[in-house]
Amino acid sequence: AAPLPFRSLRDAEEPQPGHGESGRRQPLWLVLEHIQDPMNLGALLRS
């Protein structure tokens, strides 16, 4: 299959309060700075 690219934040739709996946709760985002091991990255995404 073709590679799966990262998505650009410039193309991301900002979630609106009270809508979408977040619903009533506060949104929670995870930022990964310079994770280089593919096994670690996969495990992080799974969690």
ModelCIF file with pLDDT and N, C-alpha, C, O atoms, coordinates in Angstrom:
data_MODEL
#
_entry.id   MODEL 
#
_entity.id                         1 
_entity.type                       polymer 
_entity.pdbx_number_of_molecules   1 
#
_entity_poly.entity_id                      1 
_entity_poly.type                           'polypeptide(L)' 
_entity_poly.nstd_linkage                   no 
_entity_poly.nstd_monomer                   no 
_entity_poly.pdbx_seq_one_letter_code       AAPLPFRSLRDAEEPQPGHGESGRRQPLWLVLEHIQDPMNLGALLRS 
_entity_poly.pdbx_seq_one_letter_code_can   AAPLPFRSLRDAEEPQPGHGESGRRQPLWLVLEHIQDPMNLGALLRS 
_entity_poly.pdbx_strand_id                 A 
#
loop_
_entity_poly_seq.entity_id 
_entity_poly_seq.num 
_entity_poly_seq.mon_id 
_entity_poly_seq.hetero 
1 1  ALA n 
1 2  ALA n 
1 3  PRO n 
1 4  LEU n 
1 5  PRO n 
1 6  PHE n 
1 7  ARG n 
1 8  SER n 
1 9  LEU n 
1 10 ARG n 
1 11 ASP n 
1 12 ALA n 
1 13 GLU n 
1 14 GLU n 
1 15 PRO n 
1 16 GLN n 
1 17 PRO n 
1 18 GLY n 
1 19 HIS n 
1 20 GLY n 
1 21 GLU n 
1 22 SER n 
1 23 GLY n 
1 24 ARG n 
1 25 ARG n 
1 26 GLN n 
1 27 PRO n 
1 28 LEU n 
1 29 TRP n 
1 30 LEU n 
1 31 VAL n 
1 32 LEU n 
1 33 GLU n 
1 34 HIS n 
1 35 ILE n 
1 36 GLN n 
1 37 ASP n 
1 38 PRO n 
1 39 MET n 
1 40 ASN n 
1 41 LEU n 
1 42 GLY n 
1 43 ALA n 
1 44 LEU n 
1 45 LEU n 
1 46 ARG n 
1 47 SER n 
#
_struct_asym.id          A 
_struct_asym.entity_id   1 
#
loop_
_ma_qa_metric.id 
_ma_qa_metric.mode 
_ma_qa_metric.name 
_ma_qa_metric.software_group_id 
_ma_qa_metric.type 
1 global pLDDT . pLDDT 
2 local  pLDDT . pLDDT 
#
_ma_qa_metric_global.metric_id      1 
_ma_qa_metric_global.metric_value   81.72 
_ma_qa_metric_global.model_id       1 
_ma_qa_metric_global.ordinal_id     1 
#
loop_
_ma_qa_metric_local.label_asym_id 
_ma_qa_metric_local.label_comp_id 
_ma_qa_metric_local.label_seq_id 
_ma_qa_metric_local.metric_id 
_ma_qa_metric_local.metric_value 
_ma_qa_metric_local.model_id 
_ma_qa_metric_local.ordinal_id 
A ALA 1  2 95.00 1 1  
A ALA 2  2 96.00 1 2  
A PRO 3  2 94.00 1 3  
A LEU 4  2 93.00 1 4  
A PRO 5  2 92.00 1 5  
A PHE 6  2 94.00 1 6  
A ARG 7  2 93.00 1 7  
A SER 8  2 88.00 1 8  
A LEU 9  2 85.00 1 9  
A ARG 10 2 79.00 1 10 
A ASP 11 2 73.00 1 11 
A ALA 12 2 68.00 1 12 
A GLU 13 2 63.00 1 13 
A GLU 14 2 63.00 1 14 
A PRO 15 2 56.00 1 15 
A GLN 16 2 48.00 1 16 
A PRO 17 2 45.00 1 17 
A GLY 18 2 41.00 1 18 
A HIS 19 2 41.00 1 19 
A GLY 20 2 39.00 1 20 
A GLU 21 2 46.00 1 21 
A SER 22 2 44.00 1 22 
A GLY 23 2 48.00 1 23 
A ARG 24 2 57.00 1 24 
A ARG 25 2 77.00 1 25 
A GLN 26 2 90.00 1 26 
A PRO 27 2 94.00 1 27 
A LEU 28 2 96.00 1 28 
A TRP 29 2 97.00 1 29 
A LEU 30 2 98.00 1 30 
A VAL 31 2 98.00 1 31 
A LEU 32 2 98.00 1 32 
A GLU 33 2 97.00 1 33 
A HIS 34 2 96.00 1 34 
A ILE 35 2 97.00 1 35 
A GLN 36 2 95.00 1 36 
A ASP 37 2 97.00 1 37 
A PRO 38 2 96.00 1 38 
A MET 39 2 96.00 1 39 
A ASN 40 2 97.00 1 40 
A LEU 41 2 97.00 1 41 
A GLY 42 2 97.00 1 42 
A ALA 43 2 97.00 1 43 
A LEU 44 2 98.00 1 44 
A LEU 45 2 98.00 1 45 
A ARG 46 2 97.00 1 46 
A SER 47 2 97.00 1 47 
#
loop_
_atom_site.group_PDB 
_atom_site.id 
_atom_site.type_symbol 
_atom_site.label_atom_id 
_atom_site.label_alt_id 
_atom_site.label_comp_id 
_atom_site.label_asym_id 
_atom_site.label_entity_id 
_atom_site.label_seq_id 
_atom_site.pdbx_PDB_ins_code 
_atom_site.Cartn_x 
_atom_site.Cartn_y 
_atom_site.Cartn_z 
_atom_site.occupancy 
_atom_site.B_iso_or_equiv 
_atom_site.pdbx_formal_charge 
_atom_site.auth_seq_id 
_atom_site.auth_comp_id 
_atom_site.auth_asym_id 
_atom_site.auth_atom_id 
_atom_site.pdbx_PDB_model_num 
ATOM 1   N N  . ALA A 1 1  ? 0.842   -1.195 0.000  1.00 95.00 ? 1  ALA A N  1 
ATOM 2   C CA . ALA A 1 1  ? 0.000   0.000  0.000  1.00 95.00 ? 1  ALA A CA 1 
ATOM 3   C C  . ALA A 1 1  ? 0.873   1.240  0.000  1.00 95.00 ? 1  ALA A C  1 
ATOM 4   O O  . ALA A 1 1  ? 2.073   1.173  0.270  1.00 95.00 ? 1  ALA A O  1 
ATOM 5   N N  . ALA A 1 2  ? 0.258   2.369  -0.306 1.00 96.00 ? 2  ALA A N  1 
ATOM 6   C CA . ALA A 1 2  ? 0.976   3.645  -0.284 1.00 96.00 ? 2  ALA A CA 1 
ATOM 7   C C  . ALA A 1 2  ? 1.274   4.042  1.158  1.00 96.00 ? 2  ALA A C  1 
ATOM 8   O O  . ALA A 1 2  ? 0.542   3.652  2.068  1.00 96.00 ? 2  ALA A O  1 
ATOM 9   N N  . PRO A 1 3  ? 2.342   4.817  1.379  1.00 94.00 ? 3  PRO A N  1 
ATOM 10  C CA . PRO A 1 3  ? 2.633   5.302  2.739  1.00 94.00 ? 3  PRO A CA 1 
ATOM 11  C C  . PRO A 1 3  ? 1.487   6.146  3.279  1.00 94.00 ? 3  PRO A C  1 
ATOM 12  O O  . PRO A 1 3  ? 0.728   6.754  2.524  1.00 94.00 ? 3  PRO A O  1 
ATOM 13  N N  . LEU A 1 4  ? 1.381   6.169  4.589  1.00 93.00 ? 4  LEU A N  1 
ATOM 14  C CA . LEU A 1 4  ? 0.365   6.972  5.261  1.00 93.00 ? 4  LEU A CA 1 
ATOM 15  C C  . LEU A 1 4  ? 1.050   8.234  5.777  1.00 93.00 ? 4  LEU A C  1 
ATOM 16  O O  . LEU A 1 4  ? 1.882   8.136  6.679  1.00 93.00 ? 4  LEU A O  1 
ATOM 17  N N  . PRO A 1 5  ? 0.740   9.397  5.252  1.00 92.00 ? 5  PRO A N  1 
ATOM 18  C CA . PRO A 1 5  ? 1.454   10.608 5.666  1.00 92.00 ? 5  PRO A CA 1 
ATOM 19  C C  . PRO A 1 5  ? 0.860   11.204 6.944  1.00 92.00 ? 5  PRO A C  1 
ATOM 20  O O  . PRO A 1 5  ? -0.279  10.919 7.312  1.00 92.00 ? 5  PRO A O  1 
ATOM 21  N N  . PHE A 1 6  ? 1.657   12.033 7.606  1.00 94.00 ? 6  PHE A N  1 
ATOM 22  C CA . PHE A 1 6  ? 1.109   12.887 8.648  1.00 94.00 ? 6  PHE A CA 1 
ATOM 23  C C  . PHE A 1 6  ? 0.152   13.887 8.009  1.00 94.00 ? 6  PHE A C  1 
ATOM 24  O O  . PHE A 1 6  ? 0.335   14.293 6.861  1.00 94.00 ? 6  PHE A O  1 
ATOM 25  N N  . ARG A 1 7  ? -0.864  14.276 8.761  1.00 93.00 ? 7  ARG A N  1 
ATOM 26  C CA . ARG A 1 7  ? -1.743  15.351 8.301  1.00 93.00 ? 7  ARG A CA 1 
ATOM 27  C C  . ARG A 1 7  ? -1.194  16.690 8.763  1.00 93.00 ? 7  ARG A C  1 
ATOM 28  O O  . ARG A 1 7  ? -0.573  16.781 9.822  1.00 93.00 ? 7  ARG A O  1 
ATOM 29  N N  . SER A 1 8  ? -1.421  17.713 7.980  1.00 88.00 ? 8  SER A N  1 
ATOM 30  C CA . SER A 1 8  ? -0.953  19.052 8.333  1.00 88.00 ? 8  SER A CA 1 
ATOM 31  C C  . SER A 1 8  ? -1.959  19.734 9.253  1.00 88.00 ? 8  SER A C  1 
ATOM 32  O O  . SER A 1 8  ? -3.168  19.664 9.035  1.00 88.00 ? 8  SER A O  1 
ATOM 33  N N  . LEU A 1 9  ? -1.444  20.386 10.272 1.00 85.00 ? 9  LEU A N  1 
ATOM 34  C CA . LEU A 1 9  ? -2.331  21.140 11.159 1.00 85.00 ? 9  LEU A CA 1 
ATOM 35  C C  . LEU A 1 9  ? -3.034  22.265 10.417 1.00 85.00 ? 9  LEU A C  1 
ATOM 36  O O  . LEU A 1 9  ? -4.113  22.702 10.817 1.00 85.00 ? 9  LEU A O  1 
ATOM 37  N N  . ARG A 1 10 ? -2.422  22.731 9.337  1.00 79.00 ? 10 ARG A N  1 
ATOM 38  C CA . ARG A 1 10 ? -3.052  23.808 8.557  1.00 79.00 ? 10 ARG A CA 1 
ATOM 39  C C  . ARG A 1 10 ? -4.357  23.337 7.922  1.00 79.00 ? 10 ARG A C  1 
ATOM 40  O O  . ARG A 1 10 ? -5.240  24.146 7.636  1.00 79.00 ? 10 ARG A O  1 
ATOM 41  N N  . ASP A 1 11 ? -4.477  22.022 7.702  1.00 73.00 ? 11 ASP A N  1 
ATOM 42  C CA . ASP A 1 11 ? -5.674  21.473 7.074  1.00 73.00 ? 11 ASP A CA 1 
ATOM 43  C C  . ASP A 1 11 ? -6.679  20.941 8.090  1.00 73.00 ? 11 ASP A C  1 
ATOM 44  O O  . ASP A 1 11 ? -7.749  20.455 7.721  1.00 73.00 ? 11 ASP A O  1 
ATOM 45  N N  . ALA A 1 12 ? -6.325  21.035 9.380  1.00 68.00 ? 12 ALA A N  1 
ATOM 46  C CA . ALA A 1 12 ? -7.176  20.431 10.409 1.00 68.00 ? 12 ALA A CA 1 
ATOM 47  C C  . ALA A 1 12 ? -8.363  21.328 10.723 1.00 68.00 ? 12 ALA A C  1 
ATOM 48  O O  . ALA A 1 12 ? -8.235  22.550 10.812 1.00 68.00 ? 12 ALA A O  1 
ATOM 49  N N  . GLU A 1 13 ? -9.510  20.702 10.887 1.00 63.00 ? 13 GLU A N  1 
ATOM 50  C CA . GLU A 1 13 ? -10.689 21.431 11.331 1.00 63.00 ? 13 GLU A CA 1 
ATOM 51  C C  . GLU A 1 13 ? -10.648 21.531 12.849 1.00 63.00 ? 13 GLU A C  1 
ATOM 52  O O  . GLU A 1 13 ? -10.471 20.532 13.547 1.00 63.00 ? 13 GLU A O  1 
ATOM 53  N N  . GLU A 1 14 ? -10.813 22.741 13.344 1.00 63.00 ? 14 GLU A N  1 
ATOM 54  C CA . GLU A 1 14 ? -10.799 22.922 14.790 1.00 63.00 ? 14 GLU A CA 1 
ATOM 55  C C  . GLU A 1 14 ? -12.127 22.442 15.372 1.00 63.00 ? 14 GLU A C  1 
ATOM 56  O O  . GLU A 1 14 ? -13.188 22.847 14.897 1.00 63.00 ? 14 GLU A O  1 
ATOM 57  N N  . PRO A 1 15 ? -12.083 21.575 16.407 1.00 56.00 ? 15 PRO A N  1 
ATOM 58  C CA . PRO A 1 15 ? -13.335 21.115 17.018 1.00 56.00 ? 15 PRO A CA 1 
ATOM 59  C C  . PRO A 1 15 ? -14.057 22.265 17.705 1.00 56.00 ? 15 PRO A C  1 
ATOM 60  O O  . PRO A 1 15 ? -13.442 23.088 18.383 1.00 56.00 ? 15 PRO A O  1 
ATOM 61  N N  . GLN A 1 16 ? -15.359 22.307 17.521 1.00 48.00 ? 16 GLN A N  1 
ATOM 62  C CA . GLN A 1 16 ? -16.161 23.338 18.163 1.00 48.00 ? 16 GLN A CA 1 
ATOM 63  C C  . GLN A 1 16 ? -16.611 22.868 19.542 1.00 48.00 ? 16 GLN A C  1 
ATOM 64  O O  . GLN A 1 16 ? -16.944 21.695 19.710 1.00 48.00 ? 16 GLN A O  1 
ATOM 65  N N  . PRO A 1 17 ? -16.629 23.763 20.535 1.00 45.00 ? 17 PRO A N  1 
ATOM 66  C CA . PRO A 1 17 ? -17.067 23.356 21.873 1.00 45.00 ? 17 PRO A CA 1 
ATOM 67  C C  . PRO A 1 17 ? -18.442 22.717 21.834 1.00 45.00 ? 17 PRO A C  1 
ATOM 68  O O  . PRO A 1 17 ? -19.370 23.245 21.223 1.00 45.00 ? 17 PRO A O  1 
ATOM 69  N N  . GLY A 1 18 ? -18.563 21.572 22.495 1.00 41.00 ? 18 GLY A N  1 
ATOM 70  C CA . GLY A 1 18 ? -19.843 20.888 22.566 1.00 41.00 ? 18 GLY A CA 1 
ATOM 71  C C  . GLY A 1 18 ? -20.182 20.058 21.360 1.00 41.00 ? 18 GLY A C  1 
ATOM 72  O O  . GLY A 1 18 ? -21.287 19.521 21.273 1.00 41.00 ? 18 GLY A O  1 
ATOM 73  N N  . HIS A 1 19 ? -19.236 19.932 20.396 1.00 41.00 ? 19 HIS A N  1 
ATOM 74  C CA . HIS A 1 19 ? -19.521 19.173 19.200 1.00 41.00 ? 19 HIS A CA 1 
ATOM 75  C C  . HIS A 1 19 ? -18.453 18.117 18.981 1.00 41.00 ? 19 HIS A C  1 
ATOM 76  O O  . HIS A 1 19 ? -17.385 18.151 19.592 1.00 41.00 ? 19 HIS A O  1 
ATOM 77  N N  . GLY A 1 20 ? -18.762 17.187 18.102 1.00 39.00 ? 20 GLY A N  1 
ATOM 78  C CA . GLY A 1 20 ? -17.763 16.227 17.647 1.00 39.00 ? 20 GLY A CA 1 
ATOM 79  C C  . GLY A 1 20 ? -17.392 15.221 18.710 1.00 39.00 ? 20 GLY A C  1 
ATOM 80  O O  . GLY A 1 20 ? -18.173 14.906 19.608 1.00 39.00 ? 20 GLY A O  1 
ATOM 81  N N  . GLU A 1 21 ? -16.164 14.721 18.581 1.00 46.00 ? 21 GLU A N  1 
ATOM 82  C CA . GLU A 1 21 ? -15.721 13.621 19.420 1.00 46.00 ? 21 GLU A CA 1 
ATOM 83  C C  . GLU A 1 21 ? -15.649 14.018 20.884 1.00 46.00 ? 21 GLU A C  1 
ATOM 84  O O  . GLU A 1 21 ? -15.851 13.182 21.765 1.00 46.00 ? 21 GLU A O  1 
ATOM 85  N N  . SER A 1 22 ? -15.359 15.304 21.157 1.00 44.00 ? 22 SER A N  1 
ATOM 86  C CA . SER A 1 22 ? -15.165 15.718 22.531 1.00 44.00 ? 22 SER A CA 1 
ATOM 87  C C  . SER A 1 22 ? -16.476 15.788 23.313 1.00 44.00 ? 22 SER A C  1 
ATOM 88  O O  . SER A 1 22 ? -16.492 15.551 24.521 1.00 44.00 ? 22 SER A O  1 
ATOM 89  N N  . GLY A 1 23 ? -17.588 16.118 22.620 1.00 48.00 ? 23 GLY A N  1 
ATOM 90  C CA . GLY A 1 23 ? -18.859 16.217 23.319 1.00 48.00 ? 23 GLY A CA 1 
ATOM 91  C C  . GLY A 1 23 ? -18.806 17.295 24.394 1.00 48.00 ? 23 GLY A C  1 
ATOM 92  O O  . GLY A 1 23 ? -18.378 18.420 24.138 1.00 48.00 ? 23 GLY A O  1 
ATOM 93  N N  . ARG A 1 24 ? -19.258 16.929 25.635 1.00 57.00 ? 24 ARG A N  1 
ATOM 94  C CA . ARG A 1 24 ? -19.306 17.912 26.719 1.00 57.00 ? 24 ARG A CA 1 
ATOM 95  C C  . ARG A 1 24 ? -17.958 18.103 27.385 1.00 57.00 ? 24 ARG A C  1 
ATOM 96  O O  . ARG A 1 24 ? -17.748 19.111 28.060 1.00 57.00 ? 24 ARG A O  1 
ATOM 97  N N  . ARG A 1 25 ? -17.054 17.179 27.219 1.00 77.00 ? 25 ARG A N  1 
ATOM 98  C CA . ARG A 1 25 ? -15.819 17.213 27.999 1.00 77.00 ? 25 ARG A CA 1 
ATOM 99  C C  . ARG A 1 25 ? -14.777 18.126 27.366 1.00 77.00 ? 25 ARG A C  1 
ATOM 100 O O  . ARG A 1 25 ? -14.890 18.538 26.212 1.00 77.00 ? 25 ARG A O  1 
ATOM 101 N N  . GLN A 1 26 ? -13.768 18.422 28.160 1.00 90.00 ? 26 GLN A N  1 
ATOM 102 C CA . GLN A 1 26 ? -12.655 19.215 27.669 1.00 90.00 ? 26 GLN A CA 1 
ATOM 103 C C  . GLN A 1 26 ? -11.811 18.369 26.710 1.00 90.00 ? 26 GLN A C  1 
ATOM 104 O O  . GLN A 1 26 ? -11.619 17.177 26.951 1.00 90.00 ? 26 GLN A O  1 
ATOM 105 N N  . PRO A 1 27 ? -11.305 18.968 25.630 1.00 94.00 ? 27 PRO A N  1 
ATOM 106 C CA . PRO A 1 27 ? -10.474 18.197 24.703 1.00 94.00 ? 27 PRO A CA 1 
ATOM 107 C C  . PRO A 1 27 ? -9.108  17.874 25.310 1.00 94.00 ? 27 PRO A C  1 
ATOM 108 O O  . PRO A 1 27 ? -8.586  18.608 26.149 1.00 94.00 ? 27 PRO A O  1 
ATOM 109 N N  . LEU A 1 28 ? -8.553  16.755 24.856 1.00 96.00 ? 28 LEU A N  1 
ATOM 110 C CA . LEU A 1 28 ? -7.246  16.279 25.306 1.00 96.00 ? 28 LEU A CA 1 
ATOM 111 C C  . LEU A 1 28 ? -6.414  15.949 24.078 1.00 96.00 ? 28 LEU A C  1 
ATOM 112 O O  . LEU A 1 28 ? -6.777  15.073 23.294 1.00 96.00 ? 28 LEU A O  1 
ATOM 113 N N  . TRP A 1 29 ? -5.293  16.652 23.907 1.00 97.00 ? 29 TRP A N  1 
ATOM 114 C CA . TRP A 1 29 ? -4.386  16.417 22.791 1.00 97.00 ? 29 TRP A CA 1 
ATOM 115 C C  . TRP A 1 29 ? -3.050  15.911 23.317 1.00 97.00 ? 29 TRP A C  1 
ATOM 116 O O  . TRP A 1 29 ? -2.636  16.259 24.422 1.00 97.00 ? 29 TRP A O  1 
ATOM 117 N N  . LEU A 1 30 ? -2.388  15.097 22.525 1.00 98.00 ? 30 LEU A N  1 
ATOM 118 C CA . LEU A 1 30 ? -1.068  14.576 22.856 1.00 98.00 ? 30 LEU A CA 1 
ATOM 119 C C  . LEU A 1 30 ? -0.074  15.086 21.825 1.00 98.00 ? 30 LEU A C  1 
ATOM 120 O O  . LEU A 1 30 ? -0.292  14.947 20.622 1.00 98.00 ? 30 LEU A O  1 
ATOM 121 N N  . VAL A 1 31 ? 1.018   15.678 22.298 1.00 98.00 ? 31 VAL A N  1 
ATOM 122 C CA . VAL A 1 31 ? 2.085   16.158 21.421 1.00 98.00 ? 31 VAL A CA 1 
ATOM 123 C C  . VAL A 1 31 ? 3.322   15.295 21.637 1.00 98.00 ? 31 VAL A C  1 
ATOM 124 O O  . VAL A 1 31 ? 3.729   15.056 22.774 1.00 98.00 ? 31 VAL A O  1 
ATOM 125 N N  . LEU A 1 32 ? 3.914   14.833 20.550 1.00 98.00 ? 32 LEU A N  1 
ATOM 126 C CA . LEU A 1 32 ? 5.090   13.970 20.593 1.00 98.00 ? 32 LEU A CA 1 
ATOM 127 C C  . LEU A 1 32 ? 6.274   14.725 20.010 1.00 98.00 ? 32 LEU A C  1 
ATOM 128 O O  . LEU A 1 32 ? 6.272   15.082 18.831 1.00 98.00 ? 32 LEU A O  1 
ATOM 129 N N  . GLU A 1 33 ? 7.286   14.969 20.838 1.00 97.00 ? 33 GLU A N  1 
ATOM 130 C CA . GLU A 1 33 ? 8.455   15.723 20.399 1.00 97.00 ? 33 GLU A CA 1 
ATOM 131 C C  . GLU A 1 33 ? 9.624   14.772 20.131 1.00 97.00 ? 33 GLU A C  1 
ATOM 132 O O  . GLU A 1 33 ? 10.217  14.220 21.058 1.00 97.00 ? 33 GLU A O  1 
ATOM 133 N N  . HIS A 1 34 ? 9.939   14.595 18.859 1.00 96.00 ? 34 HIS A N  1 
ATOM 134 C CA . HIS A 1 34 ? 11.127  13.843 18.429 1.00 96.00 ? 34 HIS A CA 1 
ATOM 135 C C  . HIS A 1 34 ? 11.126  12.385 18.901 1.00 96.00 ? 34 HIS A C  1 
ATOM 136 O O  . HIS A 1 34 ? 12.149  11.876 19.359 1.00 96.00 ? 34 HIS A O  1 
ATOM 137 N N  . ILE A 1 35 ? 9.972   11.717 18.787 1.00 97.00 ? 35 ILE A N  1 
ATOM 138 C CA . ILE A 1 35 ? 9.917   10.277 19.032 1.00 97.00 ? 35 ILE A CA 1 
ATOM 139 C C  . ILE A 1 35 ? 10.492  9.584  17.796 1.00 97.00 ? 35 ILE A C  1 
ATOM 140 O O  . ILE A 1 35 ? 9.998   9.784  16.686 1.00 97.00 ? 35 ILE A O  1 
ATOM 141 N N  . GLN A 1 36 ? 11.523  8.777  17.984 1.00 95.00 ? 36 GLN A N  1 
ATOM 142 C CA . GLN A 1 36 ? 12.249  8.236  16.838 1.00 95.00 ? 36 GLN A CA 1 
ATOM 143 C C  . GLN A 1 36 ? 12.113  6.730  16.661 1.00 95.00 ? 36 GLN A C  1 
ATOM 144 O O  . GLN A 1 36 ? 12.376  6.226  15.569 1.00 95.00 ? 36 GLN A O  1 
ATOM 145 N N  . ASP A 1 37 ? 11.719  6.006  17.678 1.00 97.00 ? 37 ASP A N  1 
ATOM 146 C CA . ASP A 1 37 ? 11.613  4.558  17.566 1.00 97.00 ? 37 ASP A CA 1 
ATOM 147 C C  . ASP A 1 37 ? 10.210  4.172  17.084 1.00 97.00 ? 37 ASP A C  1 
ATOM 148 O O  . ASP A 1 37 ? 9.224   4.553  17.715 1.00 97.00 ? 37 ASP A O  1 
ATOM 149 N N  . PRO A 1 38 ? 10.099  3.423  15.978 1.00 96.00 ? 38 PRO A N  1 
ATOM 150 C CA . PRO A 1 38 ? 8.768   3.105  15.442 1.00 96.00 ? 38 PRO A CA 1 
ATOM 151 C C  . PRO A 1 38 ? 7.919   2.254  16.380 1.00 96.00 ? 38 PRO A C  1 
ATOM 152 O O  . PRO A 1 38 ? 6.695   2.387  16.385 1.00 96.00 ? 38 PRO A O  1 
ATOM 153 N N  . MET A 1 39 ? 8.546   1.375  17.180 1.00 96.00 ? 39 MET A N  1 
ATOM 154 C CA . MET A 1 39 ? 7.777   0.580  18.141 1.00 96.00 ? 39 MET A CA 1 
ATOM 155 C C  . MET A 1 39 ? 7.183   1.477  19.225 1.00 96.00 ? 39 MET A C  1 
ATOM 156 O O  . MET A 1 39 ? 6.035   1.291  19.628 1.00 96.00 ? 39 MET A O  1 
ATOM 157 N N  . ASN A 1 40 ? 7.966   2.452  19.697 1.00 97.00 ? 40 ASN A N  1 
ATOM 158 C CA . ASN A 1 40 ? 7.455   3.401  20.683 1.00 97.00 ? 40 ASN A CA 1 
ATOM 159 C C  . ASN A 1 40 ? 6.334   4.249  20.098 1.00 97.00 ? 40 ASN A C  1 
ATOM 160 O O  . ASN A 1 40 ? 5.306   4.456  20.743 1.00 97.00 ? 40 ASN A O  1 
ATOM 161 N N  . LEU A 1 41 ? 6.532   4.740  18.872 1.00 97.00 ? 41 LEU A N  1 
ATOM 162 C CA . LEU A 1 41 ? 5.495   5.569  18.257 1.00 97.00 ? 41 LEU A CA 1 
ATOM 163 C C  . LEU A 1 41 ? 4.203   4.781  18.093 1.00 97.00 ? 41 LEU A C  1 
ATOM 164 O O  . LEU A 1 41 ? 3.126   5.297  18.390 1.00 97.00 ? 41 LEU A O  1 
ATOM 165 N N  . GLY A 1 42 ? 4.295   3.539  17.625 1.00 97.00 ? 42 GLY A N  1 
ATOM 166 C CA . GLY A 1 42 ? 3.102   2.723  17.483 1.00 97.00 ? 42 GLY A CA 1 
ATOM 167 C C  . GLY A 1 42 ? 2.402   2.490  18.809 1.00 97.00 ? 42 GLY A C  1 
ATOM 168 O O  . GLY A 1 42 ? 1.177   2.576  18.896 1.00 97.00 ? 42 GLY A O  1 
ATOM 169 N N  . ALA A 1 43 ? 3.185   2.191  19.850 1.00 97.00 ? 43 ALA A N  1 
ATOM 170 C CA . ALA A 1 43 ? 2.595   1.961  21.176 1.00 97.00 ? 43 ALA A CA 1 
ATOM 171 C C  . ALA A 1 43 ? 1.952   3.235  21.718 1.00 97.00 ? 43 ALA A C  1 
ATOM 172 O O  . ALA A 1 43 ? 0.892   3.174  22.341 1.00 97.00 ? 43 ALA A O  1 
ATOM 173 N N  . LEU A 1 44 ? 2.579   4.380  21.488 1.00 98.00 ? 44 LEU A N  1 
ATOM 174 C CA . LEU A 1 44 ? 1.993   5.655  21.918 1.00 98.00 ? 44 LEU A CA 1 
ATOM 175 C C  . LEU A 1 44 ? 0.655   5.911  21.243 1.00 98.00 ? 44 LEU A C  1 
ATOM 176 O O  . LEU A 1 44 ? -0.301  6.335  21.893 1.00 98.00 ? 44 LEU A O  1 
ATOM 177 N N  . LEU A 1 45 ? 0.584   5.654  19.940 1.00 98.00 ? 45 LEU A N  1 
ATOM 178 C CA . LEU A 1 45 ? -0.665  5.887  19.210 1.00 98.00 ? 45 LEU A CA 1 
ATOM 179 C C  . LEU A 1 45 ? -1.750  4.915  19.661 1.00 98.00 ? 45 LEU A C  1 
ATOM 180 O O  . LEU A 1 45 ? -2.921  5.282  19.748 1.00 98.00 ? 45 LEU A O  1 
ATOM 181 N N  . ARG A 1 46 ? -1.358  3.674  19.948 1.00 97.00 ? 46 ARG A N  1 
ATOM 182 C CA . ARG A 1 46 ? -2.334  2.686  20.434 1.00 97.00 ? 46 ARG A CA 1 
ATOM 183 C C  . ARG A 1 46 ? -2.925  3.138  21.768 1.00 97.00 ? 46 ARG A C  1 
ATOM 184 O O  . ARG A 1 46 ? -4.139  3.072  21.963 1.00 97.00 ? 46 ARG A O  1 
ATOM 185 N N  . SER A 1 47 ? -2.068  3.600  22.692 1.00 97.00 ? 47 SER A N  1 
ATOM 186 C CA . SER A 1 47 ? -2.554  4.063  23.995 1.00 97.00 ? 47 SER A CA 1 
ATOM 187 C C  . SER A 1 47 ? -3.406  5.322  23.852 1.00 97.00 ? 47 SER A C  1 
ATOM 188 O O  . SER A 1 47 ? -3.898  5.851  24.849 1.00 97.00 ? 47 SER A O  1 
#
